[in-house]
Amino acid sequence: HLDALVQLAEHAGLALEKLERWQESRERFLPLADAAKGQGDALEAAFHLAQALYHLEHYDEAAQVLRTLAQRADLPKGRRIEARVELGICEVE
């Protein structure tokens, strides 16, 4: 049942993201996200959490999540680059 609840929360977060309801999206992704060690859904939730934080203009918080993701040697190069690009945008803001 826990996996189903996690998926439900993730889908809710994605739906709220599409509606640009960033605070509610952040609330859904925050408990799911694990930028430091997460894989699969926890990793995706970390990227979505950073996006919600960015849109809420919480640039420092978004940058912290993205910096953690960018420094992970276990992630594919493409995902680390994605995190670095998004981090750069947050730092400019």
C-alpha atoms as a PDB file:
ATOM      1  CA  HIS A   1       0.000   0.000   0.000  1.00  0.00           C
ATOM      2  CA  LEU A   2       2.890   2.370   0.663  1.00  0.00           C
ATOM      3  CA  ASP A   3       4.066   2.193  -2.968  1.00  0.00           C
ATOM      4  CA  ALA A   4       0.559   3.051  -4.138  1.00  0.00           C
ATOM      5  CA  LEU A   5       0.446   6.054  -1.786  1.00  0.00           C
ATOM      6  CA  VAL A   6       3.836   7.255  -3.017  1.00  0.00           C
ATOM      7  CA  GLN A   7       2.684   6.982  -6.635  1.00  0.00           C
ATOM      8  CA  LEU A   8      -0.540   8.784  -5.821  1.00  0.00           C
ATOM      9  CA  ALA A   9       1.358  11.640  -4.172  1.00  0.00           C
ATOM     10  CA  GLU A  10       3.737  11.827  -7.128  1.00  0.00           C
ATOM     11  CA  HIS A  11       0.890  11.942  -9.648  1.00  0.00           C
ATOM     12  CA  ALA A  12      -0.840  14.628  -7.587  1.00  0.00           C
ATOM     13  CA  GLY A  13       2.375  16.662  -7.569  1.00  0.00           C
ATOM     14  CA  LEU A  14       2.710  16.351 -11.333  1.00  0.00           C
ATOM     15  CA  ALA A  15      -0.907  17.397 -11.877  1.00  0.00           C
ATOM     16  CA  LEU A  16      -0.439  20.414  -9.628  1.00  0.00           C
ATOM     17  CA  GLU A  17       2.763  21.262 -11.480  1.00  0.00           C
ATOM     18  CA  LYS A  18       0.875  21.305 -14.800  1.00  0.00           C
ATOM     19  CA  LEU A  19      -1.662  23.669 -13.221  1.00  0.00           C
ATOM     20  CA  GLU A  20       1.242  25.829 -11.990  1.00  0.00           C
ATOM     21  CA  ARG A  21       0.065  25.426  -8.404  1.00  0.00           C
ATOM     22  CA  TRP A  22       3.643  25.499  -7.160  1.00  0.00           C
ATOM     23  CA  GLN A  23       3.111  25.603  -3.398  1.00  0.00           C
ATOM     24  CA  GLU A  24       0.861  22.546  -3.475  1.00  0.00           C
ATOM     25  CA  SER A  25       3.245  20.803  -5.868  1.00  0.00           C
ATOM     26  CA  ARG A  26       6.105  21.513  -3.465  1.00  0.00           C
ATOM     27  CA  GLU A  27       4.097  20.046  -0.597  1.00  0.00           C
ATOM     28  CA  ARG A  28       3.536  16.809  -2.552  1.00  0.00           C
ATOM     29  CA  PHE A  29       7.149  16.386  -3.691  1.00  0.00           C
ATOM     30  CA  LEU A  30       8.909  17.413  -0.461  1.00  0.00           C
ATOM     31  CA  PRO A  31       8.297  14.170   1.458  1.00  0.00           C
ATOM     32  CA  LEU A  32       9.123  12.060  -1.615  1.00  0.00           C
ATOM     33  CA  ALA A  33      12.351  13.794  -2.662  1.00  0.00           C
ATOM     34  CA  ASP A  34      15.813  12.520  -1.773  1.00  0.00           C
ATOM     35  CA  ALA A  35      18.401  14.565  -3.638  1.00  0.00           C
ATOM     36  CA  ALA A  36      21.355  12.990  -1.829  1.00  0.00           C
ATOM     37  CA  LYS A  37      20.684   9.284  -2.335  1.00  0.00           C
ATOM     38  CA  GLY A  38      17.324   8.854  -4.061  1.00  0.00           C
ATOM     39  CA  GLN A  39      16.785   6.686  -7.099  1.00  0.00           C
ATOM     40  CA  GLY A  40      13.724   6.312  -9.283  1.00  0.00           C
ATOM     41  CA  ASP A  41      10.729   8.191  -7.891  1.00  0.00           C
ATOM     42  CA  ALA A  42      12.737   9.831  -5.099  1.00  0.00           C
ATOM     43  CA  LEU A  43      15.227  11.199  -7.620  1.00  0.00           C
ATOM     44  CA  GLU A  44      12.503  12.479  -9.951  1.00  0.00           C
ATOM     45  CA  ALA A  45      10.724  14.058  -6.991  1.00  0.00           C
ATOM     46  CA  ALA A  46      13.921  15.962  -6.132  1.00  0.00           C
ATOM     47  CA  PHE A  47      14.040  17.517  -9.612  1.00  0.00           C
ATOM     48  CA  HIS A  48      10.337  18.404  -9.409  1.00  0.00           C
ATOM     49  CA  LEU A  49      10.788  19.823  -5.918  1.00  0.00           C
ATOM     50  CA  ALA A  50      13.582  22.077  -7.197  1.00  0.00           C
ATOM     51  CA  GLN A  51      11.326  23.266 -10.025  1.00  0.00           C
ATOM     52  CA  ALA A  52       8.504  24.111  -7.616  1.00  0.00           C
ATOM     53  CA  LEU A  53      10.911  25.954  -5.319  1.00  0.00           C
ATOM     54  CA  TYR A  54      12.239  27.926  -8.295  1.00  0.00           C
ATOM     55  CA  HIS A  55       8.756  29.009  -9.341  1.00  0.00           C
ATOM     56  CA  LEU A  56       8.006  30.022  -5.750  1.00  0.00           C
ATOM     57  CA  GLU A  57      11.149  32.198  -5.976  1.00  0.00           C
ATOM     58  CA  HIS A  58      12.853  30.175  -3.249  1.00  0.00           C
ATOM     59  CA  TYR A  59      16.040  30.230  -5.282  1.00  0.00           C
ATOM     60  CA  ASP A  60      18.430  29.365  -2.450  1.00  0.00           C
ATOM     61  CA  GLU A  61      16.411  26.278  -1.493  1.00  0.00           C
ATOM     62  CA  ALA A  62      16.126  25.178  -5.120  1.00  0.00           C
ATOM     63  CA  ALA A  63      19.863  25.706  -5.574  1.00  0.00           C
ATOM     64  CA  GLN A  64      20.613  23.572  -2.523  1.00  0.00           C
ATOM     65  CA  VAL A  65      18.623  20.639  -3.958  1.00  0.00           C
ATOM     66  CA  LEU A  66      20.179  21.072  -7.406  1.00  0.00           C
ATOM     67  CA  ARG A  67      23.718  21.403  -6.019  1.00  0.00           C
ATOM     68  CA  THR A  68      23.262  18.105  -4.195  1.00  0.00           C
ATOM     69  CA  LEU A  69      22.025  16.450  -7.396  1.00  0.00           C
ATOM     70  CA  ALA A  70      24.832  17.944  -9.501  1.00  0.00           C
ATOM     71  CA  GLN A  71      27.493  16.554  -7.135  1.00  0.00           C
ATOM     72  CA  ARG A  72      26.251  12.976  -7.200  1.00  0.00           C
ATOM     73  CA  ALA A  73      28.811  10.810  -8.970  1.00  0.00           C
ATOM     74  CA  ASP A  74      26.327   7.928  -9.146  1.00  0.00           C
ATOM     75  CA  LEU A  75      23.941   9.806 -11.468  1.00  0.00           C
ATOM     76  CA  PRO A  76      24.263   9.611 -15.248  1.00  0.00           C
ATOM     77  CA  LYS A  77      26.193  12.507 -16.741  1.00  0.00           C
ATOM     78  CA  GLY A  78      23.054  13.860 -18.418  1.00  0.00           C
ATOM     79  CA  ARG A  79      21.182  14.168 -15.131  1.00  0.00           C
ATOM     80  CA  ARG A  80      24.160  15.886 -13.472  1.00  0.00           C
ATOM     81  CA  ILE A  81      24.335  18.341 -16.383  1.00  0.00           C
ATOM     82  CA  GLU A  82      20.589  18.969 -16.094  1.00  0.00           C
ATOM     83  CA  ALA A  83      21.024  19.760 -12.398  1.00  0.00           C
ATOM     84  CA  ARG A  84      23.980  22.077 -13.102  1.00  0.00           C
ATOM     85  CA  VAL A  85      22.092  24.017 -15.792  1.00  0.00           C
ATOM     86  CA  GLU A  86      19.087  24.480 -13.513  1.00  0.00           C
ATOM     87  CA  LEU A  87      21.428  25.407 -10.658  1.00  0.00           C
ATOM     88  CA  GLY A  88      23.001  28.105 -12.827  1.00  0.00           C
ATOM     89  CA  ILE A  89      19.582  29.577 -13.543  1.00  0.00           C
ATOM     90  CA  CYS A  90      18.774  29.697  -9.828  1.00  0.00           C
ATOM     91  CA  GLU A  91      22.086  31.387  -9.082  1.00  0.00           C
ATOM     92  CA  VAL A  92      21.393  34.073 -11.703  1.00  0.00           C
ATOM     93  CA  GLU A  93      17.986  34.772 -10.182  1.00  0.00           C
END
